[in-house]
Structures are given as structure tokens and as C-alpha cells.
Protein backbone atom coordinates (compact mmCIF):
# COMPACT_ATOMS: atom_id res chain seq x y z
CA UNK A 1 99.95 175.72 -21.12
CA UNK A 2 101.82 178.88 -20.04
CA UNK A 3 98.86 180.53 -18.28
CA UNK A 4 98.02 177.83 -15.74
CA UNK A 5 99.44 177.45 -12.22
CA UNK A 6 99.48 173.66 -11.86
CA UNK A 7 100.95 170.87 -13.91
CA UNK A 8 99.51 167.44 -14.63
CA UNK A 9 101.06 164.05 -15.26
CA UNK A 10 98.95 161.19 -16.60
CA UNK A 11 100.03 157.62 -17.34
CA UNK A 12 97.48 155.73 -19.43
CA UNK A 13 97.94 151.95 -19.46
CA UNK A 14 96.27 149.24 -21.52
CA UNK A 15 94.65 147.34 -18.65
CA UNK A 16 91.06 146.76 -17.57
CA UNK A 17 88.44 144.05 -17.34
CA UNK A 18 88.23 143.57 -21.11
CA UNK A 19 91.79 142.21 -21.11
CA UNK A 20 91.11 139.72 -18.32
CA UNK A 21 89.89 136.14 -18.16
CA UNK A 22 86.97 135.11 -15.97
CA UNK A 23 89.38 133.53 -13.48
CA UNK A 24 91.49 136.70 -13.08
CA UNK A 25 88.61 139.19 -13.38
CA UNK A 26 89.33 142.24 -11.23
CA UNK A 27 93.11 141.96 -11.22
CA UNK A 28 93.53 145.28 -13.08
CA UNK A 29 91.47 146.99 -10.39
CA UNK A 30 93.27 145.23 -7.51
CA UNK A 31 96.67 145.99 -9.07
CA UNK A 32 95.63 149.66 -9.19
CA UNK A 33 94.92 149.51 -5.45
CA UNK A 34 98.26 147.83 -4.78
CA UNK A 35 100.12 150.61 -6.59
CA UNK A 36 99.44 152.69 -3.46
CA UNK A 37 101.22 150.15 -1.24
CA UNK A 38 104.82 151.25 -1.50
CA UNK A 39 107.72 151.95 -3.85
CA UNK A 40 111.50 151.83 -3.28
CA UNK A 41 112.40 154.40 -0.64
CA UNK A 42 108.79 154.71 0.52
CA UNK A 43 107.81 151.16 1.53
CA UNK A 44 104.38 151.74 3.07
CA UNK A 45 101.09 153.19 1.82
CA UNK A 46 101.47 156.11 4.26
CA UNK A 47 105.08 156.85 3.28
CA UNK A 48 104.20 156.79 -0.42
CA UNK A 49 101.18 159.05 0.05
CA UNK A 50 103.28 161.44 2.13
CA UNK A 51 105.99 161.59 -0.55
CA UNK A 52 103.45 162.89 -3.07
CA UNK A 53 101.52 165.12 -0.71
CA UNK A 54 104.64 166.88 0.60
CA UNK A 55 105.11 168.05 -3.00
CA UNK A 56 101.59 169.50 -3.01
CA UNK A 57 100.57 166.72 -5.37
CA UNK A 58 97.18 165.10 -5.65
CA UNK A 59 97.84 161.55 -6.84
CA UNK A 60 95.15 159.09 -7.85
CA UNK A 61 94.55 155.99 -9.92
CA UNK A 62 91.48 154.64 -11.71
CA UNK A 63 90.65 151.49 -13.63
CA UNK A 64 88.16 151.49 -16.49
CA UNK A 65 86.89 148.81 -18.86
CA UNK A 66 89.77 149.12 -21.35
CA UNK A 67 92.39 151.33 -19.71
CA UNK A 68 93.83 152.46 -16.42
CA UNK A 69 95.13 155.89 -15.42
CA UNK A 70 97.70 157.09 -12.90
CA UNK A 71 97.09 160.81 -12.48
CA UNK A 72 99.05 163.46 -10.62
CA UNK A 73 98.22 167.16 -10.30
CA UNK A 74 101.10 169.13 -8.81
CA UNK A 75 102.68 172.60 -8.54
CA UNK A 76 104.83 173.17 -11.59
CA UNK A 77 108.07 173.40 -9.60
CA UNK A 78 107.50 169.87 -8.24
CA UNK A 79 106.47 168.20 -11.50
CA UNK A 80 109.91 166.64 -12.10
CA UNK A 81 110.02 165.03 -8.65
CA UNK A 82 106.44 163.77 -9.08
CA UNK A 83 107.43 162.28 -12.42
CA UNK A 84 110.28 160.40 -10.73
CA UNK A 85 107.94 158.97 -8.10
CA UNK A 86 105.37 157.94 -10.71
CA UNK A 87 108.07 156.27 -12.79
CA UNK A 88 109.01 154.21 -9.72
CA UNK A 89 105.39 153.06 -9.51
CA UNK A 90 105.57 151.84 -13.09
CA UNK A 91 109.02 150.25 -12.65
CA UNK A 92 109.03 148.52 -9.29
CA UNK A 93 105.96 148.69 -7.03
CA UNK A 94 106.50 146.71 -3.83
CA UNK A 95 103.03 145.15 -3.47
CA UNK A 96 103.23 145.21 0.33
CA UNK A 97 100.33 144.47 2.72
CA UNK A 98 98.23 142.51 0.24
CA UNK A 99 95.93 141.17 2.96
CA UNK A 100 95.09 144.68 4.17
CA UNK A 101 94.32 145.92 0.66
CA UNK A 102 92.15 142.87 0.01
CA UNK A 103 90.09 143.91 3.01
CA UNK A 104 89.61 147.38 1.53
CA UNK A 105 88.59 146.02 -1.87
CA UNK A 106 86.30 143.47 -0.22
CA UNK A 107 84.48 146.37 1.44
CA UNK A 108 84.23 148.12 -1.92
CA UNK A 109 82.74 144.99 -3.50
CA UNK A 110 80.12 144.71 -0.75
CA UNK A 111 78.55 147.95 -1.99
CA UNK A 112 77.30 146.05 -5.05
CA UNK A 113 75.49 143.32 -3.08
CA UNK A 114 72.44 143.21 -0.84
CA UNK A 115 72.22 141.54 2.59
CA UNK A 116 71.53 138.17 0.97
CA UNK A 117 74.65 138.32 -1.17
CA UNK A 118 72.80 139.06 -4.42
CA UNK A 119 74.32 141.42 -6.97
CA UNK A 120 72.13 144.54 -7.07
CA UNK A 121 74.45 147.00 -8.80
CA UNK A 122 72.43 147.94 -11.87
CA UNK A 123 75.32 149.05 -14.04
CA UNK A 124 77.22 145.78 -13.52
CA UNK A 125 74.11 143.71 -14.25
CA UNK A 126 73.40 145.77 -17.37
CA UNK A 127 76.88 145.24 -18.81
CA UNK A 128 76.65 141.52 -18.08
CA UNK A 129 73.30 141.34 -19.86
CA UNK A 130 74.55 143.40 -22.81
CA UNK A 131 77.78 141.42 -23.42
CA UNK A 132 77.07 138.05 -21.83
CA UNK A 133 80.13 135.96 -20.99
CA UNK A 134 82.48 138.16 -23.03
CA UNK A 135 85.08 140.12 -21.06
CA UNK A 136 83.17 143.37 -21.67
CA UNK A 137 80.38 141.91 -19.55
CA UNK A 138 82.60 141.33 -16.51
CA UNK A 139 82.71 143.81 -13.60
CA UNK A 140 85.75 146.05 -13.43
CA UNK A 141 86.31 145.27 -9.74
CA UNK A 142 85.88 141.51 -10.16
CA UNK A 143 84.21 139.35 -7.52
CA UNK A 144 84.96 138.19 -4.00
CA UNK A 145 85.95 134.79 -5.39
CA UNK A 146 88.50 136.18 -7.85
CA UNK A 147 89.85 138.63 -5.26
CA UNK A 148 90.72 135.74 -2.97
CA UNK A 149 93.09 134.29 -5.63
CA UNK A 150 95.33 137.32 -6.11
CA UNK A 151 98.85 137.18 -4.68
CA UNK A 152 102.21 138.92 -5.11
CA UNK A 153 103.39 136.47 -7.76
CA UNK A 154 100.30 137.06 -9.89
CA UNK A 155 100.51 140.83 -9.45
CA UNK A 156 104.14 140.89 -10.59
CA UNK A 157 103.29 138.77 -13.63
CA UNK A 158 100.42 141.13 -14.46
CA UNK A 159 102.70 144.16 -14.02
CA UNK A 160 105.40 142.75 -16.33
CA UNK A 161 102.79 142.09 -19.02
CA UNK A 162 100.95 145.41 -18.97
CA UNK A 163 103.29 148.11 -17.64
CA UNK A 164 105.41 148.20 -20.79
CA UNK A 165 106.17 150.79 -23.42
CA UNK A 166 103.84 149.26 -26.02
CA UNK A 167 100.84 149.65 -23.71
CA UNK A 168 101.56 152.99 -22.07
CA UNK A 169 101.19 156.70 -22.81
CA UNK A 170 102.78 159.36 -20.58
CA UNK A 171 101.29 162.85 -20.87
CA UNK A 172 102.54 166.07 -19.26
CA UNK A 173 100.53 169.30 -19.31
CA UNK A 174 101.22 172.70 -17.75
CA UNK A 175 103.63 175.61 -17.75
CA UNK A 176 107.05 173.96 -17.71
CA UNK A 177 110.23 173.56 -19.72
CA UNK A 178 109.01 170.98 -22.24
CA UNK A 179 112.48 170.04 -23.50
CA UNK A 180 113.92 169.39 -20.03
CA UNK A 181 110.88 167.56 -18.69
CA UNK A 182 110.56 165.66 -21.96
CA UNK A 183 114.12 164.40 -21.56
CA UNK A 184 113.40 163.37 -17.97
CA UNK A 185 110.26 161.51 -18.98
CA UNK A 186 112.08 159.77 -21.85
CA UNK A 187 114.90 158.73 -19.53
CA UNK A 188 112.67 157.43 -16.73
CA UNK A 189 109.90 155.76 -18.73
CA UNK A 190 112.08 154.82 -21.70
CA UNK A 191 113.85 152.34 -19.45
CA UNK A 192 110.71 150.18 -19.26
CA UNK A 193 110.67 147.08 -21.47
CA UNK A 194 108.87 147.53 -24.78
CA UNK A 195 106.68 144.48 -24.27
CA UNK A 196 103.94 143.34 -26.64
CA UNK A 197 100.52 144.82 -27.29
CA UNK A 198 97.81 143.06 -25.30
CA UNK A 199 95.10 141.72 -27.59
CA UNK A 200 91.38 141.66 -26.93
CA UNK A 201 88.70 139.71 -28.77
CA UNK A 202 85.58 141.36 -30.16
CA UNK A 203 82.25 140.38 -28.59
CA UNK A 204 79.74 138.40 -30.65
CA UNK A 205 76.95 140.39 -32.27
CA UNK A 206 73.75 140.87 -30.30
CA UNK A 207 70.73 139.52 -32.21
CA UNK A 208 67.84 139.75 -29.74
CA UNK A 209 66.55 141.95 -26.95
CA UNK A 210 67.70 140.94 -23.47
CA UNK A 211 65.70 141.49 -20.26
CA UNK A 212 66.42 140.87 -16.60
CA UNK A 213 64.31 141.67 -13.57
CA UNK A 214 65.82 141.75 -10.06
CA UNK A 215 63.40 141.99 -7.14
CA UNK A 216 64.48 144.63 -4.62
CA UNK A 217 62.70 146.15 -1.64
CA UNK A 218 64.02 149.68 -2.09
CA UNK A 219 61.77 152.70 -2.44
CA UNK A 220 62.30 153.10 -6.21
CA UNK A 221 62.70 150.99 -9.33
CA UNK A 222 65.99 151.33 -11.22
CA UNK A 223 65.80 151.00 -15.01
CA UNK A 224 68.88 150.59 -17.17
CA UNK A 225 68.55 150.41 -20.94
CA UNK A 226 71.66 149.67 -23.04
CA UNK A 227 72.20 149.50 -26.80
CA UNK A 228 75.14 148.17 -28.75
CA UNK A 229 76.68 151.22 -30.44
CA UNK A 230 79.56 152.17 -32.79
CA UNK A 231 83.18 151.58 -31.80
CA UNK A 232 85.67 154.41 -31.27
CA UNK A 233 86.91 154.38 -34.88
CA UNK A 234 83.52 153.76 -36.50
CA UNK A 235 82.44 156.45 -38.98
CA UNK A 236 79.27 156.93 -36.89
CA UNK A 237 81.10 157.49 -33.59
CA UNK A 238 80.96 161.34 -33.75
CA UNK A 239 77.25 161.20 -34.62
CA UNK A 240 76.67 158.84 -31.68
CA UNK A 241 78.39 161.27 -29.33
CA UNK A 242 76.10 164.05 -30.53
CA UNK A 243 73.07 161.76 -30.34
CA UNK A 244 73.88 161.09 -26.70
CA UNK A 245 74.24 164.83 -26.09
CA UNK A 246 70.85 165.50 -27.67
CA UNK A 247 69.42 162.97 -25.22
CA UNK A 248 71.29 164.19 -22.13
CA UNK A 249 73.63 167.16 -21.84
CA UNK A 250 71.82 169.46 -19.45
CA UNK A 251 68.26 169.98 -18.32
CA UNK A 252 67.07 171.34 -21.69
CA UNK A 253 67.75 168.08 -23.53
CA UNK A 254 65.26 165.45 -24.61
CA UNK A 255 65.22 162.89 -21.83
CA UNK A 256 65.10 165.34 -18.93
CA UNK A 257 62.44 167.41 -20.66
CA UNK A 258 60.22 164.40 -21.46
CA UNK A 259 60.55 162.51 -18.19
CA UNK A 260 61.17 165.22 -15.58
CA UNK A 261 60.08 168.65 -16.80
CA UNK A 262 56.88 167.62 -18.58
CA UNK A 263 55.76 164.52 -16.65
CA UNK A 264 57.50 164.58 -13.27
CA UNK A 265 58.34 160.87 -13.46
CA UNK A 266 61.99 161.09 -12.39
CA UNK A 267 64.22 163.26 -10.27
CA UNK A 268 66.94 162.58 -12.80
CA UNK A 269 67.56 160.57 -15.96
CA UNK A 270 70.94 160.17 -17.63
CA UNK A 271 72.55 158.87 -20.81
CA UNK A 272 76.15 157.76 -21.38
CA UNK A 273 78.10 156.60 -24.43
CA UNK A 274 81.35 154.64 -24.25
CA UNK A 275 83.23 153.46 -27.34
CA UNK A 276 85.87 150.73 -27.35
CA UNK A 277 88.13 149.43 -30.12
CA UNK A 278 85.51 147.11 -31.62
CA UNK A 279 82.12 148.04 -30.14
CA UNK A 280 80.40 150.74 -28.14
CA UNK A 281 77.50 150.95 -25.71
CA UNK A 282 74.92 153.69 -25.19
CA UNK A 283 73.15 153.52 -21.82
CA UNK A 284 70.10 155.28 -20.39
CA UNK A 285 69.42 155.07 -16.64
CA UNK A 286 66.49 156.32 -14.58
CA UNK A 287 65.02 155.75 -11.12
CA UNK A 288 61.32 156.15 -10.43
CA UNK A 289 58.42 155.04 -8.25
CA UNK A 290 57.68 151.35 -8.76
CA UNK A 291 54.27 152.01 -10.29
CA UNK A 292 55.77 154.49 -12.80
CA UNK A 293 58.38 152.13 -14.28
CA UNK A 294 56.32 151.04 -17.34
CA UNK A 295 55.49 154.64 -18.15
CA UNK A 296 59.11 155.75 -17.80
CA UNK A 297 60.20 153.09 -20.27
CA UNK A 298 57.40 153.92 -22.71
CA UNK A 299 58.19 157.64 -22.65
CA UNK A 300 61.90 156.91 -23.11
CA UNK A 301 61.20 154.67 -26.09
CA UNK A 302 59.03 157.41 -27.62
CA UNK A 303 61.97 159.81 -27.43
CA UNK A 304 64.30 157.27 -29.04
CA UNK A 305 61.81 156.37 -31.77
CA UNK A 306 61.26 160.03 -32.66
CA UNK A 307 65.02 160.57 -33.03
CA UNK A 308 65.29 157.48 -35.25
CA UNK A 309 62.40 158.66 -37.44
CA UNK A 310 63.00 162.42 -37.58
CA UNK A 311 66.40 163.13 -36.02
CA UNK A 312 67.21 166.25 -34.02
CA UNK A 313 66.16 169.69 -35.18
CA UNK A 314 68.83 171.94 -36.65
CA UNK A 315 68.66 174.22 -33.58
CA UNK A 316 68.87 171.25 -31.21
CA UNK A 317 71.98 169.88 -32.90
CA UNK A 318 73.55 173.33 -33.04
CA UNK A 319 73.13 173.68 -29.25
CA UNK A 320 74.70 170.26 -28.68
CA UNK A 321 77.64 171.16 -30.91
CA UNK A 322 78.14 174.53 -29.22
CA UNK A 323 78.21 172.97 -25.74
CA UNK A 324 80.65 170.28 -26.87
CA UNK A 325 82.88 172.86 -28.54
CA UNK A 326 82.98 174.92 -25.33
CA UNK A 327 83.81 171.81 -23.32
CA UNK A 328 86.66 170.93 -25.67
CA UNK A 329 88.12 174.45 -25.55
CA UNK A 330 87.74 174.52 -21.75
CA UNK A 331 90.32 171.74 -21.57
CA UNK A 332 92.98 174.37 -22.29
CA UNK A 333 92.25 175.86 -18.85
CA UNK A 334 92.52 172.51 -17.04
CA UNK A 335 95.86 170.67 -17.28
CA UNK A 336 94.59 167.51 -15.57
CA UNK A 337 91.62 167.14 -17.91
CA UNK A 338 93.70 168.00 -20.99
CA UNK A 339 96.34 165.43 -20.08
CA UNK A 340 93.59 162.84 -19.65
CA UNK A 341 91.99 163.64 -23.00
CA UNK A 342 95.27 163.53 -24.91
CA UNK A 343 96.56 160.40 -23.18
CA UNK A 344 93.42 158.39 -23.74
CA UNK A 345 93.21 159.54 -27.35
CA UNK A 346 96.77 158.41 -28.08
CA UNK A 347 96.32 155.09 -26.29
CA UNK A 348 93.14 154.25 -28.21
CA UNK A 349 94.35 155.59 -31.55
CA UNK A 350 91.60 158.24 -31.69
CA UNK A 351 91.73 162.00 -32.16
CA UNK A 352 94.03 163.27 -29.42
CA UNK A 353 93.70 167.05 -29.67
CA UNK A 354 90.64 169.18 -28.87
CA UNK A 355 90.67 171.01 -32.22
CA UNK A 356 90.63 167.73 -34.12
CA UNK A 357 87.72 166.48 -32.04
CA UNK A 358 85.84 169.74 -32.60
CA UNK A 359 86.31 169.37 -36.35
CA UNK A 360 84.93 165.81 -36.24
CA UNK A 361 81.84 166.89 -34.33
CA UNK A 362 81.11 170.07 -36.29
CA UNK A 363 80.88 168.10 -39.54
CA UNK A 364 78.00 165.90 -38.31
CA UNK A 365 74.63 166.67 -39.92
CA UNK A 366 71.14 166.20 -38.45
CA UNK A 367 70.49 163.46 -41.02
CA UNK A 368 73.64 161.60 -39.91
CA UNK A 369 72.43 161.71 -36.31
CA UNK A 370 69.00 160.44 -37.39
CA UNK A 371 70.51 157.58 -39.39
CA UNK A 372 72.76 156.67 -36.46
CA UNK A 373 69.76 156.67 -34.11
CA UNK A 374 67.93 154.37 -36.53
CA UNK A 375 70.97 152.07 -36.58
CA UNK A 376 71.27 151.90 -32.79
CA UNK A 377 67.73 152.03 -31.43
CA UNK A 378 66.49 148.58 -32.41
CA UNK A 379 65.10 145.89 -30.14
CA UNK A 380 67.72 143.34 -31.21
CA UNK A 381 70.50 145.68 -30.05
CA UNK A 382 68.94 146.36 -26.64
CA UNK A 383 69.29 145.13 -23.05
CA UNK A 384 66.97 146.17 -20.23
CA UNK A 385 67.59 145.68 -16.51
CA UNK A 386 64.88 146.48 -13.97
CA UNK A 387 65.62 146.43 -10.23
CA UNK A 388 62.64 147.06 -7.96
CA UNK A 389 59.15 145.86 -7.02
CA UNK A 390 57.11 144.99 -10.12
CA UNK A 391 54.51 142.28 -10.53
CA UNK A 392 54.66 139.82 -13.41
CA UNK A 393 52.16 141.80 -15.49
CA UNK A 394 54.28 144.96 -15.28
CA UNK A 395 57.41 143.00 -16.23
CA UNK A 396 55.66 141.63 -19.31
CA UNK A 397 54.57 145.16 -20.30
CA UNK A 398 58.20 146.31 -20.17
CA UNK A 399 59.38 143.42 -22.32
CA UNK A 400 56.56 143.90 -24.85
CA UNK A 401 57.29 147.63 -25.16
CA UNK A 402 60.97 146.98 -25.81
CA UNK A 403 60.25 144.39 -28.52
CA UNK A 404 58.39 147.02 -30.58
CA UNK A 405 61.37 149.36 -30.82
CA UNK A 406 62.59 149.81 -34.38
CA UNK A 407 59.92 147.48 -35.76
């Protein structure tokens, strides 16, 4: 990327809640936190942070359902030194001050609970409802009970299992000498053990609609609607991505127009699609006045039913494709985002270059989107979580409306 002024380094690792057991749930997330707690030569969290920041680097780490990312954005002249520091993180983190970091994570976990200790985080409840006791239904951050079990011995065992060549992708992006930096990366990360690929079991099929109501005294009702969807290598994955964009990719798309522009029922409504190796999930989330919750669900289901019956218009799909194409090409102006796209694509075995992804998406027809909507938007593939103040009659209305979908 010769025209940009920063460089990016990403390390994608095959970790996340889907590779955990119920007893160790949250260890990927806690391990990510502990990677900030010292490396050889910089034995404290402050010393490690200072080592990166004195290079002008912005270093961060994130844990997702099926992968983790160490990400560093840095001036090009300091990329090599940042690579050395990041390699130390992957080789020999010190895992110092576990008790202090547990306190930080405990505070993070409290955000998902109310004053009575009940889980009220809608997204976590929705995933649990959608996937049940399977690992995909577990929270990324784990629970307070599992957090209490983690220790240095367990963290080192986890690190030896996951931070290996077989489960890691290192991506560099920016204006630098690719041969020299490539040799440095090969030398530093090539010294890691090869290890073995971490397996994950597929979740059982969903055969009936799921519903959960959580009473909450807040000022609005939160509705989360999830559908089982195609996996990342399913032939319908590109069509599902475009289906999601027809639903929500700006204020001119279907959900915002139907619920906000035309009826004023929501300040915002959003859709998200995530695909994993063996399954995907398409989620729709909205918040509204308690009394409006049944109407919000009904109007949402009307939008989904229309797409399953008639599909998007040619103009509508063309707009979605154009916006996605621009977003893919924009990656070439953003080294951090490009490194993330390429690294995740390689790790998951999907298309790992923007042009290839554009080609996939441009070949999708309106009829393919319609057929994919018909495949996904069925009651037996759905899960609905409602958090708010609804009487029993309103709850029954929501359940009855959902049961009619795809009938």
C-alpha cells in the first residue's frame, strides 16, 4: 500500500467461545486481557503499553465468537519493532497481576447484569436461545463463576494449545519493504510450534421457534430476533450478506424505512449477519416503547415475509451491491481494516482479497436473494428475546406472530 502513511499488523488466532467448554467459558477473552500484562523486558501492563506507545503505535486486542485478533497500527518506520513486540506476546506472555485483571473483567461482566444479578444483556440471551447449550450459545466473556477458576497454569496451557502456527495468521499492510519485513515476520513467528488445528463441533439443527421474555423496568422494550443462516462457505452466504444489506445498510434500507421513517416506532433498528464454519446467524434488534413492541415485531415480520415472497427489486439490490463494492475498495485506503479483512479471510478459509469478494457479491441475482430469504425466514429457524414491560397477553401476541412466519 505505497500511498498510505501508517502500517498495520494483525495476528488472527483460532480462539473464542466456540472452542471452549462450559467450565472454561470466557478463557479466550480473559487470556486476551492478560496479554496486556507484561512480556519479557516489559514486565508490567504500564511498561508494555509504554513500549508500544513510544513507537506511535495503537495496540489492541479483541475476542470474537470464533477468532481473536491482536492489532497494531503504527508509523511505517516503527513497524519492525512493533512486530518484534507482538511476537513476544505470542511467544512468552508473562501473565502477571492476574488478580488485578480479574477485577477489571469482573467489572466488565457486571455491565450485563441488573442489580438483582439477572442477565439482562439482550445479545447474550439471544445467542443462548438460538444455540442452546452448544458452545455458540455461550457468552464470549464467560461468567463470574468461570472467571474465578482461571489461573496462570490454565492460561499457559491455553496459550500453548492455541497460539501455534496451525491456528494463526499474521498480516502486514502498508508502505514498507515487503521482502525485509516478510523475512522478519517469518523468523519471529516461524519459531512458534506448529501445533494442531483446534476442532469445533457443529450445533444441532433448530427445529422450532424459541421465545424468551425477561421482565425489566427500563423505559423501553428491547427486541432481538435471530435466525439460523448459512455458514461462511455455504453457496448462499453471499446472497445472505446482500439480504442483510437490503434490510439494513443505511437509512434508505427496508427496516429503517418501515419502522422509523414511515411509522416512527424506533429511533434505530439494526441487522447483522455473522457466518461461522458450519452455521451462521442473522439478527435484527430494535428498541421501542413497551406498548409498541407487538407492532414493531409485526412490521418487521412483514418486511421479512415480503422479501421471502418477492425478493428485492433490481434497483434495491443494485444499490446494496454498489455500497458493498465501495466499502471493499475503500479497504485499500485503510491498512488496519485491510489487514483485518485479509487475516480473517485466510484464517476462516474464505475469500481473502477485496476483488474476490466483490466478484462473489456482484454475481448474486435478485431471485437468489429471494430464495435465500425464503430459506432463512421461517418460524422453525427463529429465536425471539424480549426484554421490557409486557403483560402476558402482549407476550402471547408476539409468540403467535412469530409462529406464522414462513407458514
